[in-house]
Amino acid sequence: MWLSRVWNPGDRRLKLAFRSLAGQLPLAWAHILERGDMARQSGYDRHITIFSPEGRLHQVEYAFQAVKKNQNMTSVALRGDDSVVAVTQKKVPDKLMDKDFGTHLYNITPNLGCLMTGMSPDARALVYRAREIAAKFKDKNAYEIPVHYLALKLANIAQVYTQHAYMRPYGVSTMLFAMDDEKGPTLYQVDPAGQYFGYKAAAAGTKDQEAQNALEKVVKKKIQFTEAETIQQAIGCLQAVMGMDFKASDIEVGIVSKSRKGFVRLSEAEIDGHLTAIVEKDS
């Protein structure tokens, strides 16, 4: 009986209310569907494991942007006839920081160097993983890990970080270089998506495309560069791309070569000598 009081099919007011609601249903459904589309679109943007309709993983692409924009710096590496040289800008984010503390060049083994471009905390974590892999390899096999194998292992780690929702990709580009007993000077680059390739020259960071174009011109000359020439070509490329003349304190230079024992960072005095040679050559 109480139901008949609440629900009276003959009630004129109820009929008008239902007619009004029926007229608004298409608009309401359209609004719901629109919000659903937006939610799905933002889902492609948020979730690392979901491909967009264009076949893209947005979070992986954002990791590449982190390499470009995180520290606003550019790095290059060049393989010569008897050496590999890596050059990167040296930027101190805070004037109160000790400039000698921050670096983007690391030893993985005494003979294998690494240049990291991107987020420093991610770089530090990945360097730790690389050193752990290299140490276990030497303990098991009694010789140092080859560069190509370490690049493969780091690429595998980076690729796994693009598959799981509870992880995020490393926001860092890794360049590995060493003197290989069979291949001579070798250079590999690993990106946040888990791709790795061997290179004659490589670039990463804010102006990576401009740096790649400059390095292509150097490589096309097909000149067998000596150690000193390789250093000066790499520094010269970075100077041209950045549109500035560096001071010795503005850059870091790491090298592996036949004439040196293992991976070496050049001192400011050595860098200054090469900068002077570049100026004299251009004048």
Protein backbone atom coordinates (compact mmCIF):
# COMPACT_ATOMS: atom_id res chain seq x y z
CA MET A 1 0.00 0.00 0.00
CA TRP A 2 2.85 2.37 0.80
CA LEU A 3 4.31 1.65 -2.65
CA SER A 4 1.17 2.87 -4.38
CA ARG A 5 1.53 6.16 -2.54
CA VAL A 6 5.11 6.61 -3.68
CA TRP A 7 4.76 5.15 -7.18
CA ASN A 8 1.56 6.20 -8.90
CA PRO A 9 1.72 5.56 -12.67
CA GLY A 10 -1.05 8.03 -13.21
CA ASP A 11 0.73 10.88 -11.45
CA ARG A 12 1.12 13.71 -13.97
CA ARG A 13 4.24 15.07 -12.27
CA LEU A 14 6.01 11.71 -12.57
CA LYS A 15 5.12 11.51 -16.27
CA LEU A 16 6.62 14.96 -16.91
CA ALA A 17 9.75 14.07 -14.95
CA PHE A 18 10.31 10.88 -16.96
CA ARG A 19 9.74 12.71 -20.25
CA SER A 20 12.31 15.33 -19.24
CA LEU A 21 14.80 12.64 -18.21
CA ALA A 22 14.26 10.74 -21.47
CA GLY A 23 15.06 13.89 -23.42
CA GLN A 24 18.33 14.35 -21.55
CA LEU A 25 19.51 10.72 -21.80
CA PRO A 26 21.26 11.04 -25.20
CA LEU A 27 23.19 14.08 -23.96
CA ALA A 28 24.06 12.32 -20.71
CA TRP A 29 25.25 9.21 -22.53
CA ALA A 30 27.32 11.32 -24.90
CA HIS A 31 28.95 13.02 -21.91
CA ILE A 32 29.66 9.65 -20.27
CA LEU A 33 31.18 8.26 -23.46
CA GLU A 34 33.29 11.39 -23.93
CA ARG A 35 34.62 11.08 -20.39
CA GLY A 36 35.30 7.41 -21.04
CA ASP A 37 37.33 8.27 -24.15
CA MET A 38 39.30 10.86 -22.19
CA ALA A 39 39.93 8.35 -19.44
CA ARG A 40 41.14 5.78 -21.94
CA GLN A 41 43.35 8.35 -23.64
CA SER A 42 44.87 9.41 -20.33
CA GLY A 43 45.26 5.72 -19.53
CA TYR A 44 47.64 5.34 -22.47
CA ASP A 45 49.49 8.31 -21.07
CA ARG A 46 49.71 7.02 -17.52
CA HIS A 47 50.24 3.29 -17.84
CA ILE A 48 53.57 1.98 -19.01
CA THR A 49 52.23 -1.39 -20.19
CA ILE A 50 49.39 -0.15 -22.45
CA PHE A 51 49.97 0.67 -26.11
CA SER A 52 48.11 3.66 -27.53
CA PRO A 53 46.07 3.20 -30.75
CA GLU A 54 49.10 4.59 -32.61
CA GLY A 55 51.27 1.78 -31.20
CA ARG A 56 53.20 4.00 -28.79
CA LEU A 57 54.23 3.62 -25.16
CA HIS A 58 54.02 7.17 -23.87
CA GLN A 59 55.91 6.58 -20.64
CA VAL A 60 58.87 5.13 -22.55
CA GLU A 61 58.86 8.19 -24.79
CA TYR A 62 58.83 10.39 -21.69
CA ALA A 63 61.95 8.55 -20.48
CA PHE A 64 63.71 9.68 -23.67
CA GLN A 65 62.58 13.23 -22.91
CA ALA A 66 64.05 12.90 -19.40
CA VAL A 67 67.42 12.18 -21.01
CA LYS A 68 67.07 15.31 -23.12
CA LYS A 69 65.70 17.75 -20.56
CA ASN A 70 66.64 16.62 -17.06
CA GLN A 71 70.01 18.34 -16.81
CA ASN A 72 69.99 20.43 -20.01
CA MET A 73 73.32 19.03 -21.20
CA THR A 74 74.71 17.24 -24.24
CA SER A 75 77.23 14.41 -24.52
CA VAL A 76 79.17 12.94 -27.45
CA ALA A 77 81.45 9.96 -27.98
CA LEU A 78 83.74 9.29 -30.94
CA ARG A 79 85.65 6.17 -31.93
CA GLY A 80 89.08 6.75 -33.45
CA ASP A 81 91.65 4.41 -34.95
CA ASP A 82 93.23 3.53 -31.60
CA SER A 83 90.91 5.08 -29.01
CA VAL A 84 87.39 6.01 -27.93
CA VAL A 85 86.74 9.46 -26.48
CA ALA A 86 83.65 10.56 -24.52
CA VAL A 87 82.99 14.25 -23.88
CA THR A 88 80.18 15.75 -21.83
CA GLN A 89 79.29 19.10 -20.35
CA LYS A 90 80.04 19.55 -16.68
CA LYS A 91 77.23 21.46 -14.98
CA VAL A 92 76.89 22.15 -11.27
CA PRO A 93 73.21 22.77 -10.38
CA ASP A 94 74.04 24.61 -7.14
CA LYS A 95 76.85 27.13 -6.63
CA LEU A 96 77.42 25.77 -3.12
CA MET A 97 78.13 22.27 -4.43
CA ASP A 98 81.66 20.94 -4.77
CA LYS A 99 82.21 20.82 -8.54
CA ASP A 100 84.53 17.82 -8.19
CA PHE A 101 81.75 15.72 -6.64
CA GLY A 102 79.39 15.50 -9.61
CA THR A 103 80.46 13.45 -12.62
CA HIS A 104 78.87 11.69 -15.58
CA LEU A 105 81.88 9.48 -16.32
CA TYR A 106 82.22 6.20 -14.43
CA ASN A 107 84.50 3.18 -14.29
CA ILE A 108 82.60 -0.09 -14.67
CA THR A 109 85.87 -2.05 -14.63
CA PRO A 110 89.42 -0.64 -14.70
CA ASN A 111 89.37 -0.94 -18.51
CA LEU A 112 85.72 -0.20 -19.29
CA GLY A 113 84.36 3.33 -19.13
CA CYS A 114 80.81 4.61 -19.07
CA LEU A 115 79.20 7.96 -19.88
CA MET A 116 75.72 8.55 -18.44
CA THR A 117 73.40 11.28 -19.72
CA GLY A 118 70.08 12.01 -18.03
CA MET A 119 68.85 11.65 -14.46
CA SER A 120 71.79 11.35 -12.04
CA PRO A 121 70.02 9.06 -9.51
CA ASP A 122 69.04 6.66 -12.30
CA ALA A 123 72.58 6.81 -13.67
CA ARG A 124 74.03 5.93 -10.28
CA ALA A 125 71.65 2.99 -9.88
CA LEU A 126 72.39 1.64 -13.36
CA VAL A 127 76.15 2.01 -12.85
CA TYR A 128 75.82 -0.06 -9.68
CA ARG A 129 73.98 -2.77 -11.64
CA ALA A 130 76.62 -2.68 -14.39
CA ARG A 131 79.47 -3.04 -11.89
CA GLU A 132 77.67 -5.93 -10.21
CA ILE A 133 77.20 -7.71 -13.56
CA ALA A 134 80.84 -7.11 -14.52
CA ALA A 135 82.15 -8.37 -11.16
CA LYS A 136 80.05 -11.56 -11.30
CA PHE A 137 81.13 -12.20 -14.88
CA LYS A 138 84.83 -11.91 -14.00
CA ASP A 139 84.40 -14.09 -10.91
CA LYS A 140 82.73 -16.80 -13.01
CA ASN A 141 84.84 -16.62 -16.18
CA ALA A 142 88.21 -15.29 -14.93
CA TYR A 143 88.38 -12.49 -17.51
CA GLU A 144 86.76 -9.07 -17.88
CA ILE A 145 83.31 -8.74 -19.36
CA PRO A 146 83.25 -7.75 -23.08
CA VAL A 147 81.62 -4.41 -23.83
CA HIS A 148 79.00 -5.87 -26.16
CA TYR A 149 77.90 -8.41 -23.55
CA LEU A 150 77.56 -5.77 -20.82
CA ALA A 151 75.56 -3.60 -23.25
CA LEU A 152 73.26 -6.57 -23.91
CA LYS A 153 72.74 -7.21 -20.18
CA LEU A 154 71.94 -3.55 -19.46
CA ALA A 155 69.60 -3.42 -22.46
CA ASN A 156 67.77 -6.48 -21.11
CA ILE A 157 67.33 -4.75 -17.74
CA ALA A 158 66.06 -1.56 -19.40
CA GLN A 159 63.61 -3.54 -21.54
CA VAL A 160 62.13 -5.34 -18.51
CA TYR A 161 61.49 -1.93 -16.94
CA THR A 162 59.15 -1.12 -19.84
CA GLN A 163 56.96 -4.20 -19.22
CA HIS A 164 55.74 -3.89 -15.64
CA ALA A 165 53.25 -1.40 -14.22
CA TYR A 166 55.06 -1.21 -10.88
CA MET A 167 58.31 -0.04 -12.55
CA ARG A 168 59.34 2.91 -14.65
CA PRO A 169 62.07 3.10 -17.31
CA TYR A 170 65.50 4.46 -16.46
CA GLY A 171 65.67 8.10 -17.56
CA VAL A 172 69.25 7.78 -18.74
CA SER A 173 71.24 7.04 -21.90
CA THR A 174 74.30 4.84 -21.39
CA MET A 175 77.47 4.87 -23.50
CA LEU A 176 79.94 2.04 -22.85
CA PHE A 177 83.45 2.02 -24.32
CA ALA A 178 86.63 -0.02 -23.99
CA MET A 179 89.54 -1.50 -25.92
CA ASP A 180 88.51 -4.96 -27.09
CA ASP A 181 91.24 -7.56 -27.61
CA GLU A 182 89.73 -8.64 -30.94
CA LYS A 183 87.83 -5.58 -32.21
CA GLY A 184 90.03 -2.78 -30.88
CA PRO A 185 88.23 0.40 -29.75
CA THR A 186 84.51 -0.29 -29.22
CA LEU A 187 81.58 1.97 -28.39
CA TYR A 188 78.02 0.93 -27.50
CA GLN A 189 74.95 2.94 -26.54
CA VAL A 190 71.93 1.68 -24.55
CA ASP A 191 68.70 3.71 -24.52
CA PRO A 192 65.75 3.73 -22.04
CA ALA A 193 63.67 1.44 -24.28
CA GLY A 194 66.25 -1.35 -24.04
CA GLN A 195 67.79 -0.96 -27.49
CA TYR A 196 71.56 -1.21 -27.86
CA PHE A 197 73.86 -0.76 -30.84
CA GLY A 198 77.54 -0.45 -31.63
CA TYR A 199 78.51 3.01 -32.89
CA LYS A 200 81.32 4.84 -34.65
CA ALA A 201 80.06 7.97 -32.90
CA ALA A 202 77.12 8.64 -30.59
CA ALA A 203 75.33 11.55 -28.94
CA ALA A 204 72.77 12.05 -26.17
CA GLY A 205 71.11 14.89 -24.31
CA THR A 206 69.46 18.20 -25.10
CA LYS A 207 70.96 18.69 -28.57
CA ASP A 208 71.50 15.07 -29.49
CA GLN A 209 70.18 15.43 -33.05
CA GLU A 210 72.43 18.41 -33.82
CA ALA A 211 75.37 16.54 -32.29
CA GLN A 212 74.63 13.45 -34.40
CA ASN A 213 74.59 15.58 -37.54
CA ALA A 214 77.97 17.10 -36.62
CA LEU A 215 79.44 13.67 -35.84
CA GLU A 216 78.17 12.26 -39.15
CA LYS A 217 80.22 14.87 -41.01
CA VAL A 218 83.32 13.80 -39.07
CA VAL A 219 82.72 10.08 -39.66
CA LYS A 220 82.04 10.60 -43.40
CA LYS A 221 85.60 11.89 -43.83
CA LYS A 222 86.76 8.29 -43.18
CA ILE A 223 89.96 9.55 -41.59
CA GLN A 224 91.82 7.28 -39.18
CA PHE A 225 92.12 9.67 -36.25
CA THR A 226 94.96 9.40 -33.76
CA GLU A 227 94.23 9.67 -30.04
CA ALA A 228 94.86 13.43 -29.91
CA GLU A 229 92.85 14.05 -33.09
CA THR A 230 89.94 11.99 -31.75
CA ILE A 231 89.89 14.05 -28.54
CA GLN A 232 89.98 17.32 -30.44
CA GLN A 233 87.33 16.25 -32.96
CA ALA A 234 84.96 15.20 -30.16
CA ILE A 235 85.47 18.42 -28.21
CA GLY A 236 85.20 20.49 -31.41
CA CYS A 237 81.88 18.82 -32.32
CA LEU A 238 80.41 19.56 -28.90
CA GLN A 239 81.63 23.17 -29.03
CA ALA A 240 80.09 23.67 -32.48
CA VAL A 241 76.76 22.19 -31.38
CA MET A 242 76.57 24.25 -28.20
CA GLY A 243 77.79 27.40 -30.00
CA MET A 244 80.38 28.28 -27.38
CA ASP A 245 84.08 27.99 -26.60
CA PHE A 246 84.61 25.78 -23.58
CA LYS A 247 86.94 26.29 -20.68
CA ALA A 248 88.67 23.24 -19.26
CA SER A 249 86.32 23.29 -16.26
CA ASP A 250 83.21 23.24 -18.49
CA ILE A 251 83.61 19.67 -19.76
CA GLU A 252 84.61 16.17 -18.76
CA VAL A 253 86.66 13.97 -21.08
CA GLY A 254 87.09 10.23 -20.69
CA ILE A 255 89.24 8.03 -22.91
CA VAL A 256 90.34 4.47 -23.55
CA SER A 257 93.24 3.93 -25.96
CA LYS A 258 96.10 1.63 -26.89
CA SER A 259 98.64 3.99 -25.38
CA ARG A 260 96.92 4.29 -22.00
CA LYS A 261 96.30 1.71 -19.32
CA GLY A 262 92.56 1.30 -18.86
CA PHE A 263 89.90 4.00 -18.70
CA VAL A 264 91.24 7.48 -17.92
CA ARG A 265 89.65 10.85 -17.17
CA LEU A 266 91.66 13.75 -18.56
CA SER A 267 92.81 16.40 -16.11
CA GLU A 268 91.90 20.06 -16.60
CA ALA A 269 95.48 20.76 -17.70
CA GLU A 270 95.25 18.08 -20.41
CA ILE A 271 91.84 19.34 -21.55
CA ASP A 272 93.18 22.90 -21.68
CA GLY A 273 96.03 21.74 -23.91
CA HIS A 274 93.59 20.21 -26.38
CA LEU A 275 91.37 23.32 -26.31
CA THR A 276 94.42 25.42 -27.17
CA ALA A 277 95.27 23.08 -30.05
CA ILE A 278 91.71 23.42 -31.40
CA VAL A 279 91.95 27.23 -31.32
CA GLU A 280 95.33 27.18 -33.07
CA LYS A 281 94.01 24.81 -35.73
CA ASP A 282 90.99 27.04 -36.43
CA SER A 283 92.99 30.27 -36.55
